[in-house]
Amino acid sequence: GDLETVMEGKYRQGHFNGVAQVVS
């Protein structure tokens, strides 16, 4: 949701999906 559309998420699209994939 909104957690990933701002700041790092805005400038590094797909970054947090990759983080969630590896950490999980």
PDBML (XML) file of the C-alpha atoms, coordinates in Angstrom:
<?xml version="1.0" encoding="UTF-8" ?>
<PDBx:datablock datablockName="MODEL"
   xmlns:PDBx="http://pdbml.pdb.org/schema/pdbx-v50.xsd"
   xmlns:xsi="http://www.w3.org/2001/XMLSchema-instance"
   xsi:schemaLocation="http://pdbml.pdb.org/schema/pdbx-v50.xsd pdbx-v50.xsd">
   <PDBx:atom_siteCategory>
      <PDBx:atom_site id="1">
         <PDBx:B_iso_or_equiv>0.00</PDBx:B_iso_or_equiv>
         <PDBx:Cartn_x>0.000</PDBx:Cartn_x>
         <PDBx:Cartn_y>0.000</PDBx:Cartn_y>
         <PDBx:Cartn_z>0.000</PDBx:Cartn_z>
         <PDBx:auth_asym_id>A</PDBx:auth_asym_id>
         <PDBx:auth_atom_id>CA</PDBx:auth_atom_id>
         <PDBx:auth_comp_id>GLY</PDBx:auth_comp_id>
         <PDBx:auth_seq_id>1</PDBx:auth_seq_id>
         <PDBx:group_PDB>ATOM</PDBx:group_PDB>
         <PDBx:label_alt_id xsi:nil="true" />
         <PDBx:label_asym_id>A</PDBx:label_asym_id>
         <PDBx:label_atom_id>CA</PDBx:label_atom_id>
         <PDBx:label_comp_id>GLY</PDBx:label_comp_id>
         <PDBx:label_entity_id>1</PDBx:label_entity_id>
         <PDBx:label_seq_id>1</PDBx:label_seq_id>
         <PDBx:occupancy>1.00</PDBx:occupancy>
         <PDBx:pdbx_PDB_model_num>1</PDBx:pdbx_PDB_model_num>
         <PDBx:type_symbol>C</PDBx:type_symbol>
      </PDBx:atom_site>
      <PDBx:atom_site id="2">
         <PDBx:B_iso_or_equiv>0.00</PDBx:B_iso_or_equiv>
         <PDBx:Cartn_x>1.130</PDBx:Cartn_x>
         <PDBx:Cartn_y>3.530</PDBx:Cartn_y>
         <PDBx:Cartn_z>0.830</PDBx:Cartn_z>
         <PDBx:auth_asym_id>A</PDBx:auth_asym_id>
         <PDBx:auth_atom_id>CA</PDBx:auth_atom_id>
         <PDBx:auth_comp_id>ASP</PDBx:auth_comp_id>
         <PDBx:auth_seq_id>2</PDBx:auth_seq_id>
         <PDBx:group_PDB>ATOM</PDBx:group_PDB>
         <PDBx:label_alt_id xsi:nil="true" />
         <PDBx:label_asym_id>A</PDBx:label_asym_id>
         <PDBx:label_atom_id>CA</PDBx:label_atom_id>
         <PDBx:label_comp_id>ASP</PDBx:label_comp_id>
         <PDBx:label_entity_id>1</PDBx:label_entity_id>
         <PDBx:label_seq_id>2</PDBx:label_seq_id>
         <PDBx:occupancy>1.00</PDBx:occupancy>
         <PDBx:pdbx_PDB_model_num>1</PDBx:pdbx_PDB_model_num>
         <PDBx:type_symbol>C</PDBx:type_symbol>
      </PDBx:atom_site>
      <PDBx:atom_site id="3">
         <PDBx:B_iso_or_equiv>0.00</PDBx:B_iso_or_equiv>
         <PDBx:Cartn_x>4.193</PDBx:Cartn_x>
         <PDBx:Cartn_y>2.270</PDBx:Cartn_y>
         <PDBx:Cartn_z>2.714</PDBx:Cartn_z>
         <PDBx:auth_asym_id>A</PDBx:auth_asym_id>
         <PDBx:auth_atom_id>CA</PDBx:auth_atom_id>
         <PDBx:auth_comp_id>LEU</PDBx:auth_comp_id>
         <PDBx:auth_seq_id>3</PDBx:auth_seq_id>
         <PDBx:group_PDB>ATOM</PDBx:group_PDB>
         <PDBx:label_alt_id xsi:nil="true" />
         <PDBx:label_asym_id>A</PDBx:label_asym_id>
         <PDBx:label_atom_id>CA</PDBx:label_atom_id>
         <PDBx:label_comp_id>LEU</PDBx:label_comp_id>
         <PDBx:label_entity_id>1</PDBx:label_entity_id>
         <PDBx:label_seq_id>3</PDBx:label_seq_id>
         <PDBx:occupancy>1.00</PDBx:occupancy>
         <PDBx:pdbx_PDB_model_num>1</PDBx:pdbx_PDB_model_num>
         <PDBx:type_symbol>C</PDBx:type_symbol>
      </PDBx:atom_site>
      <PDBx:atom_site id="4">
         <PDBx:B_iso_or_equiv>0.00</PDBx:B_iso_or_equiv>
         <PDBx:Cartn_x>5.985</PDBx:Cartn_x>
         <PDBx:Cartn_y>1.528</PDBx:Cartn_y>
         <PDBx:Cartn_z>-0.563</PDBx:Cartn_z>
         <PDBx:auth_asym_id>A</PDBx:auth_asym_id>
         <PDBx:auth_atom_id>CA</PDBx:auth_atom_id>
         <PDBx:auth_comp_id>GLU</PDBx:auth_comp_id>
         <PDBx:auth_seq_id>4</PDBx:auth_seq_id>
         <PDBx:group_PDB>ATOM</PDBx:group_PDB>
         <PDBx:label_alt_id xsi:nil="true" />
         <PDBx:label_asym_id>A</PDBx:label_asym_id>
         <PDBx:label_atom_id>CA</PDBx:label_atom_id>
         <PDBx:label_comp_id>GLU</PDBx:label_comp_id>
         <PDBx:label_entity_id>1</PDBx:label_entity_id>
         <PDBx:label_seq_id>4</PDBx:label_seq_id>
         <PDBx:occupancy>1.00</PDBx:occupancy>
         <PDBx:pdbx_PDB_model_num>1</PDBx:pdbx_PDB_model_num>
         <PDBx:type_symbol>C</PDBx:type_symbol>
      </PDBx:atom_site>
      <PDBx:atom_site id="5">
         <PDBx:B_iso_or_equiv>0.00</PDBx:B_iso_or_equiv>
         <PDBx:Cartn_x>4.877</PDBx:Cartn_x>
         <PDBx:Cartn_y>4.475</PDBx:Cartn_y>
         <PDBx:Cartn_z>-2.726</PDBx:Cartn_z>
         <PDBx:auth_asym_id>A</PDBx:auth_asym_id>
         <PDBx:auth_atom_id>CA</PDBx:auth_atom_id>
         <PDBx:auth_comp_id>THR</PDBx:auth_comp_id>
         <PDBx:auth_seq_id>5</PDBx:auth_seq_id>
         <PDBx:group_PDB>ATOM</PDBx:group_PDB>
         <PDBx:label_alt_id xsi:nil="true" />
         <PDBx:label_asym_id>A</PDBx:label_asym_id>
         <PDBx:label_atom_id>CA</PDBx:label_atom_id>
         <PDBx:label_comp_id>THR</PDBx:label_comp_id>
         <PDBx:label_entity_id>1</PDBx:label_entity_id>
         <PDBx:label_seq_id>5</PDBx:label_seq_id>
         <PDBx:occupancy>1.00</PDBx:occupancy>
         <PDBx:pdbx_PDB_model_num>1</PDBx:pdbx_PDB_model_num>
         <PDBx:type_symbol>C</PDBx:type_symbol>
      </PDBx:atom_site>
      <PDBx:atom_site id="6">
         <PDBx:B_iso_or_equiv>0.00</PDBx:B_iso_or_equiv>
         <PDBx:Cartn_x>6.858</PDBx:Cartn_x>
         <PDBx:Cartn_y>7.158</PDBx:Cartn_y>
         <PDBx:Cartn_z>-0.876</PDBx:Cartn_z>
         <PDBx:auth_asym_id>A</PDBx:auth_asym_id>
         <PDBx:auth_atom_id>CA</PDBx:auth_atom_id>
         <PDBx:auth_comp_id>VAL</PDBx:auth_comp_id>
         <PDBx:auth_seq_id>6</PDBx:auth_seq_id>
         <PDBx:group_PDB>ATOM</PDBx:group_PDB>
         <PDBx:label_alt_id xsi:nil="true" />
         <PDBx:label_asym_id>A</PDBx:label_asym_id>
         <PDBx:label_atom_id>CA</PDBx:label_atom_id>
         <PDBx:label_comp_id>VAL</PDBx:label_comp_id>
         <PDBx:label_entity_id>1</PDBx:label_entity_id>
         <PDBx:label_seq_id>6</PDBx:label_seq_id>
         <PDBx:occupancy>1.00</PDBx:occupancy>
         <PDBx:pdbx_PDB_model_num>1</PDBx:pdbx_PDB_model_num>
         <PDBx:type_symbol>C</PDBx:type_symbol>
      </PDBx:atom_site>
      <PDBx:atom_site id="7">
         <PDBx:B_iso_or_equiv>0.00</PDBx:B_iso_or_equiv>
         <PDBx:Cartn_x>10.532</PDBx:Cartn_x>
         <PDBx:Cartn_y>8.009</PDBx:Cartn_y>
         <PDBx:Cartn_z>-0.344</PDBx:Cartn_z>
         <PDBx:auth_asym_id>A</PDBx:auth_asym_id>
         <PDBx:auth_atom_id>CA</PDBx:auth_atom_id>
         <PDBx:auth_comp_id>MET</PDBx:auth_comp_id>
         <PDBx:auth_seq_id>7</PDBx:auth_seq_id>
         <PDBx:group_PDB>ATOM</PDBx:group_PDB>
         <PDBx:label_alt_id xsi:nil="true" />
         <PDBx:label_asym_id>A</PDBx:label_asym_id>
         <PDBx:label_atom_id>CA</PDBx:label_atom_id>
         <PDBx:label_comp_id>MET</PDBx:label_comp_id>
         <PDBx:label_entity_id>1</PDBx:label_entity_id>
         <PDBx:label_seq_id>7</PDBx:label_seq_id>
         <PDBx:occupancy>1.00</PDBx:occupancy>
         <PDBx:pdbx_PDB_model_num>1</PDBx:pdbx_PDB_model_num>
         <PDBx:type_symbol>C</PDBx:type_symbol>
      </PDBx:atom_site>
      <PDBx:atom_site id="8">
         <PDBx:B_iso_or_equiv>0.00</PDBx:B_iso_or_equiv>
         <PDBx:Cartn_x>12.661</PDBx:Cartn_x>
         <PDBx:Cartn_y>4.934</PDBx:Cartn_y>
         <PDBx:Cartn_z>-1.159</PDBx:Cartn_z>
         <PDBx:auth_asym_id>A</PDBx:auth_asym_id>
         <PDBx:auth_atom_id>CA</PDBx:auth_atom_id>
         <PDBx:auth_comp_id>GLU</PDBx:auth_comp_id>
         <PDBx:auth_seq_id>8</PDBx:auth_seq_id>
         <PDBx:group_PDB>ATOM</PDBx:group_PDB>
         <PDBx:label_alt_id xsi:nil="true" />
         <PDBx:label_asym_id>A</PDBx:label_asym_id>
         <PDBx:label_atom_id>CA</PDBx:label_atom_id>
         <PDBx:label_comp_id>GLU</PDBx:label_comp_id>
         <PDBx:label_entity_id>1</PDBx:label_entity_id>
         <PDBx:label_seq_id>8</PDBx:label_seq_id>
         <PDBx:occupancy>1.00</PDBx:occupancy>
         <PDBx:pdbx_PDB_model_num>1</PDBx:pdbx_PDB_model_num>
         <PDBx:type_symbol>C</PDBx:type_symbol>
      </PDBx:atom_site>
      <PDBx:atom_site id="9">
         <PDBx:B_iso_or_equiv>0.00</PDBx:B_iso_or_equiv>
         <PDBx:Cartn_x>9.724</PDBx:Cartn_x>
         <PDBx:Cartn_y>3.281</PDBx:Cartn_y>
         <PDBx:Cartn_z>-2.865</PDBx:Cartn_z>
         <PDBx:auth_asym_id>A</PDBx:auth_asym_id>
         <PDBx:auth_atom_id>CA</PDBx:auth_atom_id>
         <PDBx:auth_comp_id>GLY</PDBx:auth_comp_id>
         <PDBx:auth_seq_id>9</PDBx:auth_seq_id>
         <PDBx:group_PDB>ATOM</PDBx:group_PDB>
         <PDBx:label_alt_id xsi:nil="true" />
         <PDBx:label_asym_id>A</PDBx:label_asym_id>
         <PDBx:label_atom_id>CA</PDBx:label_atom_id>
         <PDBx:label_comp_id>GLY</PDBx:label_comp_id>
         <PDBx:label_entity_id>1</PDBx:label_entity_id>
         <PDBx:label_seq_id>9</PDBx:label_seq_id>
         <PDBx:occupancy>1.00</PDBx:occupancy>
         <PDBx:pdbx_PDB_model_num>1</PDBx:pdbx_PDB_model_num>
         <PDBx:type_symbol>C</PDBx:type_symbol>
      </PDBx:atom_site>
      <PDBx:atom_site id="10">
         <PDBx:B_iso_or_equiv>0.00</PDBx:B_iso_or_equiv>
         <PDBx:Cartn_x>9.174</PDBx:Cartn_x>
         <PDBx:Cartn_y>6.289</PDBx:Cartn_y>
         <PDBx:Cartn_z>-5.104</PDBx:Cartn_z>
         <PDBx:auth_asym_id>A</PDBx:auth_asym_id>
         <PDBx:auth_atom_id>CA</PDBx:auth_atom_id>
         <PDBx:auth_comp_id>LYS</PDBx:auth_comp_id>
         <PDBx:auth_seq_id>10</PDBx:auth_seq_id>
         <PDBx:group_PDB>ATOM</PDBx:group_PDB>
         <PDBx:label_alt_id xsi:nil="true" />
         <PDBx:label_asym_id>A</PDBx:label_asym_id>
         <PDBx:label_atom_id>CA</PDBx:label_atom_id>
         <PDBx:label_comp_id>LYS</PDBx:label_comp_id>
         <PDBx:label_entity_id>1</PDBx:label_entity_id>
         <PDBx:label_seq_id>10</PDBx:label_seq_id>
         <PDBx:occupancy>1.00</PDBx:occupancy>
         <PDBx:pdbx_PDB_model_num>1</PDBx:pdbx_PDB_model_num>
         <PDBx:type_symbol>C</PDBx:type_symbol>
      </PDBx:atom_site>
      <PDBx:atom_site id="11">
         <PDBx:B_iso_or_equiv>0.00</PDBx:B_iso_or_equiv>
         <PDBx:Cartn_x>12.793</PDBx:Cartn_x>
         <PDBx:Cartn_y>6.492</PDBx:Cartn_y>
         <PDBx:Cartn_z>-6.248</PDBx:Cartn_z>
         <PDBx:auth_asym_id>A</PDBx:auth_asym_id>
         <PDBx:auth_atom_id>CA</PDBx:auth_atom_id>
         <PDBx:auth_comp_id>TYR</PDBx:auth_comp_id>
         <PDBx:auth_seq_id>11</PDBx:auth_seq_id>
         <PDBx:group_PDB>ATOM</PDBx:group_PDB>
         <PDBx:label_alt_id xsi:nil="true" />
         <PDBx:label_asym_id>A</PDBx:label_asym_id>
         <PDBx:label_atom_id>CA</PDBx:label_atom_id>
         <PDBx:label_comp_id>TYR</PDBx:label_comp_id>
         <PDBx:label_entity_id>1</PDBx:label_entity_id>
         <PDBx:label_seq_id>11</PDBx:label_seq_id>
         <PDBx:occupancy>1.00</PDBx:occupancy>
         <PDBx:pdbx_PDB_model_num>1</PDBx:pdbx_PDB_model_num>
         <PDBx:type_symbol>C</PDBx:type_symbol>
      </PDBx:atom_site>
      <PDBx:atom_site id="12">
         <PDBx:B_iso_or_equiv>0.00</PDBx:B_iso_or_equiv>
         <PDBx:Cartn_x>13.678</PDBx:Cartn_x>
         <PDBx:Cartn_y>2.780</PDBx:Cartn_y>
         <PDBx:Cartn_z>-6.215</PDBx:Cartn_z>
         <PDBx:auth_asym_id>A</PDBx:auth_asym_id>
         <PDBx:auth_atom_id>CA</PDBx:auth_atom_id>
         <PDBx:auth_comp_id>ARG</PDBx:auth_comp_id>
         <PDBx:auth_seq_id>12</PDBx:auth_seq_id>
         <PDBx:group_PDB>ATOM</PDBx:group_PDB>
         <PDBx:label_alt_id xsi:nil="true" />
         <PDBx:label_asym_id>A</PDBx:label_asym_id>
         <PDBx:label_atom_id>CA</PDBx:label_atom_id>
         <PDBx:label_comp_id>ARG</PDBx:label_comp_id>
         <PDBx:label_entity_id>1</PDBx:label_entity_id>
         <PDBx:label_seq_id>12</PDBx:label_seq_id>
         <PDBx:occupancy>1.00</PDBx:occupancy>
         <PDBx:pdbx_PDB_model_num>1</PDBx:pdbx_PDB_model_num>
         <PDBx:type_symbol>C</PDBx:type_symbol>
      </PDBx:atom_site>
      <PDBx:atom_site id="13">
         <PDBx:B_iso_or_equiv>0.00</PDBx:B_iso_or_equiv>
         <PDBx:Cartn_x>10.687</PDBx:Cartn_x>
         <PDBx:Cartn_y>1.071</PDBx:Cartn_y>
         <PDBx:Cartn_z>-7.786</PDBx:Cartn_z>
         <PDBx:auth_asym_id>A</PDBx:auth_asym_id>
         <PDBx:auth_atom_id>CA</PDBx:auth_atom_id>
         <PDBx:auth_comp_id>GLN</PDBx:auth_comp_id>
         <PDBx:auth_seq_id>13</PDBx:auth_seq_id>
         <PDBx:group_PDB>ATOM</PDBx:group_PDB>
         <PDBx:label_alt_id xsi:nil="true" />
         <PDBx:label_asym_id>A</PDBx:label_asym_id>
         <PDBx:label_atom_id>CA</PDBx:label_atom_id>
         <PDBx:label_comp_id>GLN</PDBx:label_comp_id>
         <PDBx:label_entity_id>1</PDBx:label_entity_id>
         <PDBx:label_seq_id>13</PDBx:label_seq_id>
         <PDBx:occupancy>1.00</PDBx:occupancy>
         <PDBx:pdbx_PDB_model_num>1</PDBx:pdbx_PDB_model_num>
         <PDBx:type_symbol>C</PDBx:type_symbol>
      </PDBx:atom_site>
      <PDBx:atom_site id="14">
         <PDBx:B_iso_or_equiv>0.00</PDBx:B_iso_or_equiv>
         <PDBx:Cartn_x>10.560</PDBx:Cartn_x>
         <PDBx:Cartn_y>-2.646</PDBx:Cartn_y>
         <PDBx:Cartn_z>-7.083</PDBx:Cartn_z>
         <PDBx:auth_asym_id>A</PDBx:auth_asym_id>
         <PDBx:auth_atom_id>CA</PDBx:auth_atom_id>
         <PDBx:auth_comp_id>GLY</PDBx:auth_comp_id>
         <PDBx:auth_seq_id>14</PDBx:auth_seq_id>
         <PDBx:group_PDB>ATOM</PDBx:group_PDB>
         <PDBx:label_alt_id xsi:nil="true" />
         <PDBx:label_asym_id>A</PDBx:label_asym_id>
         <PDBx:label_atom_id>CA</PDBx:label_atom_id>
         <PDBx:label_comp_id>GLY</PDBx:label_comp_id>
         <PDBx:label_entity_id>1</PDBx:label_entity_id>
         <PDBx:label_seq_id>14</PDBx:label_seq_id>
         <PDBx:occupancy>1.00</PDBx:occupancy>
         <PDBx:pdbx_PDB_model_num>1</PDBx:pdbx_PDB_model_num>
         <PDBx:type_symbol>C</PDBx:type_symbol>
      </PDBx:atom_site>
      <PDBx:atom_site id="15">
         <PDBx:B_iso_or_equiv>0.00</PDBx:B_iso_or_equiv>
         <PDBx:Cartn_x>13.175</PDBx:Cartn_x>
         <PDBx:Cartn_y>-2.352</PDBx:Cartn_y>
         <PDBx:Cartn_z>-4.331</PDBx:Cartn_z>
         <PDBx:auth_asym_id>A</PDBx:auth_asym_id>
         <PDBx:auth_atom_id>CA</PDBx:auth_atom_id>
         <PDBx:auth_comp_id>HIS</PDBx:auth_comp_id>
         <PDBx:auth_seq_id>15</PDBx:auth_seq_id>
         <PDBx:group_PDB>ATOM</PDBx:group_PDB>
         <PDBx:label_alt_id xsi:nil="true" />
         <PDBx:label_asym_id>A</PDBx:label_asym_id>
         <PDBx:label_atom_id>CA</PDBx:label_atom_id>
         <PDBx:label_comp_id>HIS</PDBx:label_comp_id>
         <PDBx:label_entity_id>1</PDBx:label_entity_id>
         <PDBx:label_seq_id>15</PDBx:label_seq_id>
         <PDBx:occupancy>1.00</PDBx:occupancy>
         <PDBx:pdbx_PDB_model_num>1</PDBx:pdbx_PDB_model_num>
         <PDBx:type_symbol>C</PDBx:type_symbol>
      </PDBx:atom_site>
      <PDBx:atom_site id="16">
         <PDBx:B_iso_or_equiv>0.00</PDBx:B_iso_or_equiv>
         <PDBx:Cartn_x>10.893</PDBx:Cartn_x>
         <PDBx:Cartn_y>-3.252</PDBx:Cartn_y>
         <PDBx:Cartn_z>-1.446</PDBx:Cartn_z>
         <PDBx:auth_asym_id>A</PDBx:auth_asym_id>
         <PDBx:auth_atom_id>CA</PDBx:auth_atom_id>
         <PDBx:auth_comp_id>PHE</PDBx:auth_comp_id>
         <PDBx:auth_seq_id>16</PDBx:auth_seq_id>
         <PDBx:group_PDB>ATOM</PDBx:group_PDB>
         <PDBx:label_alt_id xsi:nil="true" />
         <PDBx:label_asym_id>A</PDBx:label_asym_id>
         <PDBx:label_atom_id>CA</PDBx:label_atom_id>
         <PDBx:label_comp_id>PHE</PDBx:label_comp_id>
         <PDBx:label_entity_id>1</PDBx:label_entity_id>
         <PDBx:label_seq_id>16</PDBx:label_seq_id>
         <PDBx:occupancy>1.00</PDBx:occupancy>
         <PDBx:pdbx_PDB_model_num>1</PDBx:pdbx_PDB_model_num>
         <PDBx:type_symbol>C</PDBx:type_symbol>
      </PDBx:atom_site>
      <PDBx:atom_site id="17">
         <PDBx:B_iso_or_equiv>0.00</PDBx:B_iso_or_equiv>
         <PDBx:Cartn_x>9.323</PDBx:Cartn_x>
         <PDBx:Cartn_y>-6.163</PDBx:Cartn_y>
         <PDBx:Cartn_z>-3.280</PDBx:Cartn_z>
         <PDBx:auth_asym_id>A</PDBx:auth_asym_id>
         <PDBx:auth_atom_id>CA</PDBx:auth_atom_id>
         <PDBx:auth_comp_id>ASN</PDBx:auth_comp_id>
         <PDBx:auth_seq_id>17</PDBx:auth_seq_id>
         <PDBx:group_PDB>ATOM</PDBx:group_PDB>
         <PDBx:label_alt_id xsi:nil="true" />
         <PDBx:label_asym_id>A</PDBx:label_asym_id>
         <PDBx:label_atom_id>CA</PDBx:label_atom_id>
         <PDBx:label_comp_id>ASN</PDBx:label_comp_id>
         <PDBx:label_entity_id>1</PDBx:label_entity_id>
         <PDBx:label_seq_id>17</PDBx:label_seq_id>
         <PDBx:occupancy>1.00</PDBx:occupancy>
         <PDBx:pdbx_PDB_model_num>1</PDBx:pdbx_PDB_model_num>
         <PDBx:type_symbol>C</PDBx:type_symbol>
      </PDBx:atom_site>
      <PDBx:atom_site id="18">
         <PDBx:B_iso_or_equiv>0.00</PDBx:B_iso_or_equiv>
         <PDBx:Cartn_x>12.847</PDBx:Cartn_x>
         <PDBx:Cartn_y>-7.539</PDBx:Cartn_y>
         <PDBx:Cartn_z>-3.629</PDBx:Cartn_z>
         <PDBx:auth_asym_id>A</PDBx:auth_asym_id>
         <PDBx:auth_atom_id>CA</PDBx:auth_atom_id>
         <PDBx:auth_comp_id>GLY</PDBx:auth_comp_id>
         <PDBx:auth_seq_id>18</PDBx:auth_seq_id>
         <PDBx:group_PDB>ATOM</PDBx:group_PDB>
         <PDBx:label_alt_id xsi:nil="true" />
         <PDBx:label_asym_id>A</PDBx:label_asym_id>
         <PDBx:label_atom_id>CA</PDBx:label_atom_id>
         <PDBx:label_comp_id>GLY</PDBx:label_comp_id>
         <PDBx:label_entity_id>1</PDBx:label_entity_id>
         <PDBx:label_seq_id>18</PDBx:label_seq_id>
         <PDBx:occupancy>1.00</PDBx:occupancy>
         <PDBx:pdbx_PDB_model_num>1</PDBx:pdbx_PDB_model_num>
         <PDBx:type_symbol>C</PDBx:type_symbol>
      </PDBx:atom_site>
      <PDBx:atom_site id="19">
         <PDBx:B_iso_or_equiv>0.00</PDBx:B_iso_or_equiv>
         <PDBx:Cartn_x>13.504</PDBx:Cartn_x>
         <PDBx:Cartn_y>-6.917</PDBx:Cartn_y>
         <PDBx:Cartn_z>0.074</PDBx:Cartn_z>
         <PDBx:auth_asym_id>A</PDBx:auth_asym_id>
         <PDBx:auth_atom_id>CA</PDBx:auth_atom_id>
         <PDBx:auth_comp_id>VAL</PDBx:auth_comp_id>
         <PDBx:auth_seq_id>19</PDBx:auth_seq_id>
         <PDBx:group_PDB>ATOM</PDBx:group_PDB>
         <PDBx:label_alt_id xsi:nil="true" />
         <PDBx:label_asym_id>A</PDBx:label_asym_id>
         <PDBx:label_atom_id>CA</PDBx:label_atom_id>
         <PDBx:label_comp_id>VAL</PDBx:label_comp_id>
         <PDBx:label_entity_id>1</PDBx:label_entity_id>
         <PDBx:label_seq_id>19</PDBx:label_seq_id>
         <PDBx:occupancy>1.00</PDBx:occupancy>
         <PDBx:pdbx_PDB_model_num>1</PDBx:pdbx_PDB_model_num>
         <PDBx:type_symbol>C</PDBx:type_symbol>
      </PDBx:atom_site>
      <PDBx:atom_site id="20">
         <PDBx:B_iso_or_equiv>0.00</PDBx:B_iso_or_equiv>
         <PDBx:Cartn_x>10.314</PDBx:Cartn_x>
         <PDBx:Cartn_y>-8.743</PDBx:Cartn_y>
         <PDBx:Cartn_z>1.041</PDBx:Cartn_z>
         <PDBx:auth_asym_id>A</PDBx:auth_asym_id>
         <PDBx:auth_atom_id>CA</PDBx:auth_atom_id>
         <PDBx:auth_comp_id>ALA</PDBx:auth_comp_id>
         <PDBx:auth_seq_id>20</PDBx:auth_seq_id>
         <PDBx:group_PDB>ATOM</PDBx:group_PDB>
         <PDBx:label_alt_id xsi:nil="true" />
         <PDBx:label_asym_id>A</PDBx:label_asym_id>
         <PDBx:label_atom_id>CA</PDBx:label_atom_id>
         <PDBx:label_comp_id>ALA</PDBx:label_comp_id>
         <PDBx:label_entity_id>1</PDBx:label_entity_id>
         <PDBx:label_seq_id>20</PDBx:label_seq_id>
         <PDBx:occupancy>1.00</PDBx:occupancy>
         <PDBx:pdbx_PDB_model_num>1</PDBx:pdbx_PDB_model_num>
         <PDBx:type_symbol>C</PDBx:type_symbol>
      </PDBx:atom_site>
      <PDBx:atom_site id="21">
         <PDBx:B_iso_or_equiv>0.00</PDBx:B_iso_or_equiv>
         <PDBx:Cartn_x>11.165</PDBx:Cartn_x>
         <PDBx:Cartn_y>-11.647</PDBx:Cartn_y>
         <PDBx:Cartn_z>-1.249</PDBx:Cartn_z>
         <PDBx:auth_asym_id>A</PDBx:auth_asym_id>
         <PDBx:auth_atom_id>CA</PDBx:auth_atom_id>
         <PDBx:auth_comp_id>GLN</PDBx:auth_comp_id>
         <PDBx:auth_seq_id>21</PDBx:auth_seq_id>
         <PDBx:group_PDB>ATOM</PDBx:group_PDB>
         <PDBx:label_alt_id xsi:nil="true" />
         <PDBx:label_asym_id>A</PDBx:label_asym_id>
         <PDBx:label_atom_id>CA</PDBx:label_atom_id>
         <PDBx:label_comp_id>GLN</PDBx:label_comp_id>
         <PDBx:label_entity_id>1</PDBx:label_entity_id>
         <PDBx:label_seq_id>21</PDBx:label_seq_id>
         <PDBx:occupancy>1.00</PDBx:occupancy>
         <PDBx:pdbx_PDB_model_num>1</PDBx:pdbx_PDB_model_num>
         <PDBx:type_symbol>C</PDBx:type_symbol>
      </PDBx:atom_site>
      <PDBx:atom_site id="22">
         <PDBx:B_iso_or_equiv>0.00</PDBx:B_iso_or_equiv>
         <PDBx:Cartn_x>14.616</PDBx:Cartn_x>
         <PDBx:Cartn_y>-12.218</PDBx:Cartn_y>
         <PDBx:Cartn_z>0.219</PDBx:Cartn_z>
         <PDBx:auth_asym_id>A</PDBx:auth_asym_id>
         <PDBx:auth_atom_id>CA</PDBx:auth_atom_id>
         <PDBx:auth_comp_id>VAL</PDBx:auth_comp_id>
         <PDBx:auth_seq_id>22</PDBx:auth_seq_id>
         <PDBx:group_PDB>ATOM</PDBx:group_PDB>
         <PDBx:label_alt_id xsi:nil="true" />
         <PDBx:label_asym_id>A</PDBx:label_asym_id>
         <PDBx:label_atom_id>CA</PDBx:label_atom_id>
         <PDBx:label_comp_id>VAL</PDBx:label_comp_id>
         <PDBx:label_entity_id>1</PDBx:label_entity_id>
         <PDBx:label_seq_id>22</PDBx:label_seq_id>
         <PDBx:occupancy>1.00</PDBx:occupancy>
         <PDBx:pdbx_PDB_model_num>1</PDBx:pdbx_PDB_model_num>
         <PDBx:type_symbol>C</PDBx:type_symbol>
      </PDBx:atom_site>
      <PDBx:atom_site id="23">
         <PDBx:B_iso_or_equiv>0.00</PDBx:B_iso_or_equiv>
         <PDBx:Cartn_x>13.757</PDBx:Cartn_x>
         <PDBx:Cartn_y>-11.571</PDBx:Cartn_y>
         <PDBx:Cartn_z>3.871</PDBx:Cartn_z>
         <PDBx:auth_asym_id>A</PDBx:auth_asym_id>
         <PDBx:auth_atom_id>CA</PDBx:auth_atom_id>
         <PDBx:auth_comp_id>VAL</PDBx:auth_comp_id>
         <PDBx:auth_seq_id>23</PDBx:auth_seq_id>
         <PDBx:group_PDB>ATOM</PDBx:group_PDB>
         <PDBx:label_alt_id xsi:nil="true" />
         <PDBx:label_asym_id>A</PDBx:label_asym_id>
         <PDBx:label_atom_id>CA</PDBx:label_atom_id>
         <PDBx:label_comp_id>VAL</PDBx:label_comp_id>
         <PDBx:label_entity_id>1</PDBx:label_entity_id>
         <PDBx:label_seq_id>23</PDBx:label_seq_id>
         <PDBx:occupancy>1.00</PDBx:occupancy>
         <PDBx:pdbx_PDB_model_num>1</PDBx:pdbx_PDB_model_num>
         <PDBx:type_symbol>C</PDBx:type_symbol>
      </PDBx:atom_site>
      <PDBx:atom_site id="24">
         <PDBx:B_iso_or_equiv>0.00</PDBx:B_iso_or_equiv>
         <PDBx:Cartn_x>10.742</PDBx:Cartn_x>
         <PDBx:Cartn_y>-13.891</PDBx:Cartn_y>
         <PDBx:Cartn_z>3.726</PDBx:Cartn_z>
         <PDBx:auth_asym_id>A</PDBx:auth_asym_id>
         <PDBx:auth_atom_id>CA</PDBx:auth_atom_id>
         <PDBx:auth_comp_id>SER</PDBx:auth_comp_id>
         <PDBx:auth_seq_id>24</PDBx:auth_seq_id>
         <PDBx:group_PDB>ATOM</PDBx:group_PDB>
         <PDBx:label_alt_id xsi:nil="true" />
         <PDBx:label_asym_id>A</PDBx:label_asym_id>
         <PDBx:label_atom_id>CA</PDBx:label_atom_id>
         <PDBx:label_comp_id>SER</PDBx:label_comp_id>
         <PDBx:label_entity_id>1</PDBx:label_entity_id>
         <PDBx:label_seq_id>24</PDBx:label_seq_id>
         <PDBx:occupancy>1.00</PDBx:occupancy>
         <PDBx:pdbx_PDB_model_num>1</PDBx:pdbx_PDB_model_num>
         <PDBx:type_symbol>C</PDBx:type_symbol>
      </PDBx:atom_site>
   </PDBx:atom_siteCategory>
</PDBx:datablock>
